[in-house]
Amino acid sequence: MIRLSKLTDYASVLLAAIARDPNRIFSAAQLAEISSVPKPTCVKLLKLLVRHGVLQSAQGSRGGYILAREPAAIPLKTIIEAIEGPMAITECGTDETLCRITDHCTVMSRWRELGDQVNHLLTRVTLEDLISPRALSKNDMHRIETLEVH
């Protein structure tokens, strides 16, 4: 099973809270309270999301966090990679030198092809889709397609 970390899950919850009220500037304390994500974890995630251009931050008494772009312009892949790092289904998908059997592997190209399709899907699905009450498969603009490995 492909599984994202709890931190990525928490980051999506924080971003969903911000995206539902995109004109509001949120403090880390407010986001921790709204989301029930522990404040130290919340602060860590917010810093990562700012560093990767998903959020903007402002210092001072009226400071806080706001989305760097509209929710429809933030792909899930960007969110995931901000927390997890570069995505690949297998280790060799990011760096062939990590695997000692690369020279004899007969399935690497198929795993890469599948990984490319997952990356394509996560690039098309956005934060807006994540917070939308519509089912992803019903959304005409971002219709989820069946993955096929050729």
C-alpha atoms as a PDB file:
ATOM      1  CA  MET A   1       0.000   0.000   0.000  1.00  0.00           C
ATOM      2  CA  ILE A   2       1.213   3.476  -0.814  1.00  0.00           C
ATOM      3  CA  ARG A   3       0.779   5.586   2.276  1.00  0.00           C
ATOM      4  CA  LEU A   4       1.488   9.227   3.006  1.00  0.00           C
ATOM      5  CA  SER A   5       2.798  10.219   6.419  1.00  0.00           C
ATOM      6  CA  LYS A   6       0.639  11.627   9.175  1.00  0.00           C
ATOM      7  CA  LEU A   7       2.433  14.948   8.660  1.00  0.00           C
ATOM      8  CA  THR A   8       1.169  15.172   5.074  1.00  0.00           C
ATOM      9  CA  ASP A   9      -2.325  14.352   6.286  1.00  0.00           C
ATOM     10  CA  TYR A  10      -2.064  17.096   8.923  1.00  0.00           C
ATOM     11  CA  ALA A  11      -0.737  19.559   6.340  1.00  0.00           C
ATOM     12  CA  SER A  12      -3.777  18.892   4.129  1.00  0.00           C
ATOM     13  CA  VAL A  13      -6.077  19.533   7.109  1.00  0.00           C
ATOM     14  CA  LEU A  14      -4.332  22.849   7.846  1.00  0.00           C
ATOM     15  CA  LEU A  15      -4.459  23.901   4.206  1.00  0.00           C
ATOM     16  CA  ALA A  16      -8.126  22.943   3.932  1.00  0.00           C
ATOM     17  CA  ALA A  17      -8.910  25.187   6.909  1.00  0.00           C
ATOM     18  CA  ILE A  18      -7.096  28.106   5.278  1.00  0.00           C
ATOM     19  CA  ALA A  19      -8.623  27.420   1.844  1.00  0.00           C
ATOM     20  CA  ARG A  20     -12.165  27.503   3.243  1.00  0.00           C
ATOM     21  CA  ASP A  21     -11.572  31.105   4.372  1.00  0.00           C
ATOM     22  CA  PRO A  22      -8.927  32.308   1.885  1.00  0.00           C
ATOM     23  CA  ASN A  23      -9.108  36.020   2.739  1.00  0.00           C
ATOM     24  CA  ARG A  24      -8.377  35.473   6.428  1.00  0.00           C
ATOM     25  CA  ILE A  25      -4.867  35.507   7.869  1.00  0.00           C
ATOM     26  CA  PHE A  26      -4.476  32.653  10.350  1.00  0.00           C
ATOM     27  CA  SER A  27      -2.028  32.432  13.234  1.00  0.00           C
ATOM     28  CA  ALA A  28      -0.381  29.112  14.025  1.00  0.00           C
ATOM     29  CA  ALA A  29      -2.320  29.019  17.305  1.00  0.00           C
ATOM     30  CA  GLN A  30      -5.639  29.521  15.488  1.00  0.00           C
ATOM     31  CA  LEU A  31      -4.832  26.790  12.985  1.00  0.00           C
ATOM     32  CA  ALA A  32      -3.775  24.406  15.741  1.00  0.00           C
ATOM     33  CA  GLU A  33      -7.070  25.027  17.539  1.00  0.00           C
ATOM     34  CA  ILE A  34      -9.251  24.751  14.412  1.00  0.00           C
ATOM     35  CA  SER A  35      -7.544  21.585  13.194  1.00  0.00           C
ATOM     36  CA  SER A  36      -6.641  19.870  16.493  1.00  0.00           C
ATOM     37  CA  VAL A  37      -3.095  19.463  15.135  1.00  0.00           C
ATOM     38  CA  PRO A  38      -0.674  19.960  18.059  1.00  0.00           C
ATOM     39  CA  LYS A  39       0.803  23.468  17.912  1.00  0.00           C
ATOM     40  CA  PRO A  40       4.486  22.396  17.624  1.00  0.00           C
ATOM     41  CA  THR A  41       3.578  20.125  14.694  1.00  0.00           C
ATOM     42  CA  CYS A  42       1.439  22.868  13.192  1.00  0.00           C
ATOM     43  CA  VAL A  43       4.338  25.360  13.346  1.00  0.00           C
ATOM     44  CA  LYS A  44       6.713  22.849  11.747  1.00  0.00           C
ATOM     45  CA  LEU A  45       4.285  22.141   8.887  1.00  0.00           C
ATOM     46  CA  LEU A  46       3.505  25.809   8.288  1.00  0.00           C
ATOM     47  CA  LYS A  47       7.230  26.559   7.945  1.00  0.00           C
ATOM     48  CA  LEU A  48       7.642  23.740   5.407  1.00  0.00           C
ATOM     49  CA  LEU A  49       4.632  24.957   3.430  1.00  0.00           C
ATOM     50  CA  VAL A  50       5.987  28.519   3.376  1.00  0.00           C
ATOM     51  CA  ARG A  51       9.438  27.275   2.301  1.00  0.00           C
ATOM     52  CA  HIS A  52       7.865  25.397  -0.624  1.00  0.00           C
ATOM     53  CA  GLY A  53       5.706  28.328  -1.759  1.00  0.00           C
ATOM     54  CA  VAL A  54       2.322  26.891  -0.747  1.00  0.00           C
ATOM     55  CA  LEU A  55       1.769  29.503   1.968  1.00  0.00           C
ATOM     56  CA  GLN A  56       2.896  33.061   2.589  1.00  0.00           C
ATOM     57  CA  SER A  57       3.668  34.317   6.062  1.00  0.00           C
ATOM     58  CA  ALA A  58       3.729  37.746   7.628  1.00  0.00           C
ATOM     59  CA  GLN A  59       5.354  38.659  10.943  1.00  0.00           C
ATOM     60  CA  GLY A  60       3.961  40.965  13.605  1.00  0.00           C
ATOM     61  CA  SER A  61       0.802  41.366  15.645  1.00  0.00           C
ATOM     62  CA  ARG A  62      -1.366  41.086  12.540  1.00  0.00           C
ATOM     63  CA  GLY A  63       0.816  38.442  10.970  1.00  0.00           C
ATOM     64  CA  GLY A  64       0.040  34.865  10.177  1.00  0.00           C
ATOM     65  CA  TYR A  65      -0.428  32.545   7.235  1.00  0.00           C
ATOM     66  CA  ILE A  66      -2.366  32.771   3.990  1.00  0.00           C
ATOM     67  CA  LEU A  67      -2.347  30.715   0.791  1.00  0.00           C
ATOM     68  CA  ALA A  68       0.306  31.792  -1.709  1.00  0.00           C
ATOM     69  CA  ARG A  69      -2.107  31.039  -4.587  1.00  0.00           C
ATOM     70  CA  GLU A  70      -5.763  30.258  -5.119  1.00  0.00           C
ATOM     71  CA  PRO A  71      -6.730  26.747  -3.926  1.00  0.00           C
ATOM     72  CA  ALA A  72      -7.394  25.722  -7.546  1.00  0.00           C
ATOM     73  CA  ALA A  73      -3.763  26.563  -8.398  1.00  0.00           C
ATOM     74  CA  ILE A  74      -2.196  24.379  -5.690  1.00  0.00           C
ATOM     75  CA  PRO A  75      -1.766  20.780  -6.879  1.00  0.00           C
ATOM     76  CA  LEU A  76      -1.818  18.000  -4.303  1.00  0.00           C
ATOM     77  CA  LYS A  77       1.591  16.928  -5.625  1.00  0.00           C
ATOM     78  CA  THR A  78       3.049  20.260  -4.472  1.00  0.00           C
ATOM     79  CA  ILE A  79       1.589  19.795  -0.996  1.00  0.00           C
ATOM     80  CA  ILE A  80       2.798  16.208  -0.717  1.00  0.00           C
ATOM     81  CA  GLU A  81       6.311  17.011  -1.930  1.00  0.00           C
ATOM     82  CA  ALA A  82       6.563  19.972   0.463  1.00  0.00           C
ATOM     83  CA  ILE A  83       6.245  17.511   3.340  1.00  0.00           C
ATOM     84  CA  GLU A  84       7.484  14.175   1.954  1.00  0.00           C
ATOM     85  CA  GLY A  85      10.124  15.272  -0.561  1.00  0.00           C
ATOM     86  CA  PRO A  86      10.293  14.071  -4.180  1.00  0.00           C
ATOM     87  CA  MET A  87       7.669  11.467  -5.011  1.00  0.00           C
ATOM     88  CA  ALA A  88       8.286   8.068  -6.512  1.00  0.00           C
ATOM     89  CA  ILE A  89       6.595   4.715  -6.082  1.00  0.00           C
ATOM     90  CA  THR A  90       9.936   2.940  -5.723  1.00  0.00           C
ATOM     91  CA  GLU A  91      13.313   4.239  -4.549  1.00  0.00           C
ATOM     92  CA  CYS A  92      14.795   3.882  -8.005  1.00  0.00           C
ATOM     93  CA  GLY A  93      12.103   6.264  -9.262  1.00  0.00           C
ATOM     94  CA  THR A  94      14.049   9.154  -7.756  1.00  0.00           C
ATOM     95  CA  ASP A  95      17.591   7.785  -7.878  1.00  0.00           C
ATOM     96  CA  GLU A  96      18.707   4.609  -9.662  1.00  0.00           C
ATOM     97  CA  THR A  97      21.884   4.469  -7.587  1.00  0.00           C
ATOM     98  CA  LEU A  98      19.818   3.633  -4.493  1.00  0.00           C
ATOM     99  CA  CYS A  99      19.150   0.146  -5.811  1.00  0.00           C
ATOM    100  CA  ARG A 100      21.817  -2.497  -6.150  1.00  0.00           C
ATOM    101  CA  ILE A 101      19.893  -4.550  -8.760  1.00  0.00           C
ATOM    102  CA  THR A 102      19.185  -1.736 -11.242  1.00  0.00           C
ATOM    103  CA  ASP A 103      21.289  -3.387 -13.953  1.00  0.00           C
ATOM    104  CA  HIS A 104      19.206  -6.573 -13.759  1.00  0.00           C
ATOM    105  CA  CYS A 105      15.775  -5.176 -12.935  1.00  0.00           C
ATOM    106  CA  THR A 106      12.995  -6.172 -15.324  1.00  0.00           C
ATOM    107  CA  VAL A 107      10.194  -4.126 -13.720  1.00  0.00           C
ATOM    108  CA  MET A 108      11.757  -0.710 -13.118  1.00  0.00           C
ATOM    109  CA  SER A 109      10.361   0.827 -16.309  1.00  0.00           C
ATOM    110  CA  ARG A 110       6.818  -0.283 -15.404  1.00  0.00           C
ATOM    111  CA  TRP A 111       7.099   1.141 -11.891  1.00  0.00           C
ATOM    112  CA  ARG A 112       8.323   4.410 -13.369  1.00  0.00           C
ATOM    113  CA  GLU A 113       5.462   4.477 -15.855  1.00  0.00           C
ATOM    114  CA  LEU A 114       2.960   3.896 -13.070  1.00  0.00           C
ATOM    115  CA  GLY A 115       4.696   6.542 -10.955  1.00  0.00           C
ATOM    116  CA  ASP A 116       4.423   9.021 -13.833  1.00  0.00           C
ATOM    117  CA  GLN A 117       0.668   8.429 -13.988  1.00  0.00           C
ATOM    118  CA  VAL A 118       0.267   8.877 -10.228  1.00  0.00           C
ATOM    119  CA  ASN A 119       2.293  12.101 -10.450  1.00  0.00           C
ATOM    120  CA  HIS A 120       0.097  13.277 -13.336  1.00  0.00           C
ATOM    121  CA  LEU A 121      -3.041  12.593 -11.308  1.00  0.00           C
ATOM    122  CA  LEU A 122      -1.700  14.383  -8.225  1.00  0.00           C
ATOM    123  CA  THR A 123      -0.729  17.342 -10.393  1.00  0.00           C
ATOM    124  CA  ARG A 124      -4.266  17.615 -11.790  1.00  0.00           C
ATOM    125  CA  VAL A 125      -6.066  17.302  -8.448  1.00  0.00           C
ATOM    126  CA  THR A 126      -5.825  20.518  -6.427  1.00  0.00           C
ATOM    127  CA  LEU A 127      -6.452  21.826  -2.936  1.00  0.00           C
ATOM    128  CA  GLU A 128      -9.750  23.174  -4.299  1.00  0.00           C
ATOM    129  CA  ASP A 129     -10.761  19.629  -5.236  1.00  0.00           C
ATOM    130  CA  LEU A 130      -9.802  18.429  -1.771  1.00  0.00           C
ATOM    131  CA  ILE A 131     -12.171  20.862  -0.026  1.00  0.00           C
ATOM    132  CA  SER A 132     -14.958  20.663  -2.606  1.00  0.00           C
ATOM    133  CA  PRO A 133     -18.197  18.918  -1.637  1.00  0.00           C
ATOM    134  CA  ARG A 134     -18.258  17.357  -5.133  1.00  0.00           C
ATOM    135  CA  ALA A 135     -16.820  13.919  -5.616  1.00  0.00           C
ATOM    136  CA  LEU A 136     -13.549  14.047  -7.535  1.00  0.00           C
ATOM    137  CA  SER A 137     -14.890  11.693 -10.197  1.00  0.00           C
ATOM    138  CA  LYS A 138     -17.829  14.066 -10.840  1.00  0.00           C
ATOM    139  CA  ASN A 139     -15.683  17.145 -11.396  1.00  0.00           C
ATOM    140  CA  ASP A 140     -15.629  17.706 -15.158  1.00  0.00           C
ATOM    141  CA  MET A 141     -12.496  19.848 -15.177  1.00  0.00           C
ATOM    142  CA  HIS A 142     -10.405  17.429 -13.138  1.00  0.00           C
ATOM    143  CA  ARG A 143     -12.029  14.138 -13.961  1.00  0.00           C
ATOM    144  CA  ILE A 144     -10.162  11.264 -12.394  1.00  0.00           C
ATOM    145  CA  GLU A 145      -9.114   8.856 -15.075  1.00  0.00           C
ATOM    146  CA  THR A 146      -8.447   5.160 -14.741  1.00  0.00           C
ATOM    147  CA  LEU A 147      -4.733   4.525 -14.587  1.00  0.00           C
ATOM    148  CA  GLU A 148      -3.463   2.174 -17.251  1.00  0.00           C
ATOM    149  CA  VAL A 149       0.059   0.886 -17.589  1.00  0.00           C
ATOM    150  CA  HIS A 150       0.896   0.189 -21.214  1.00  0.00           C
END
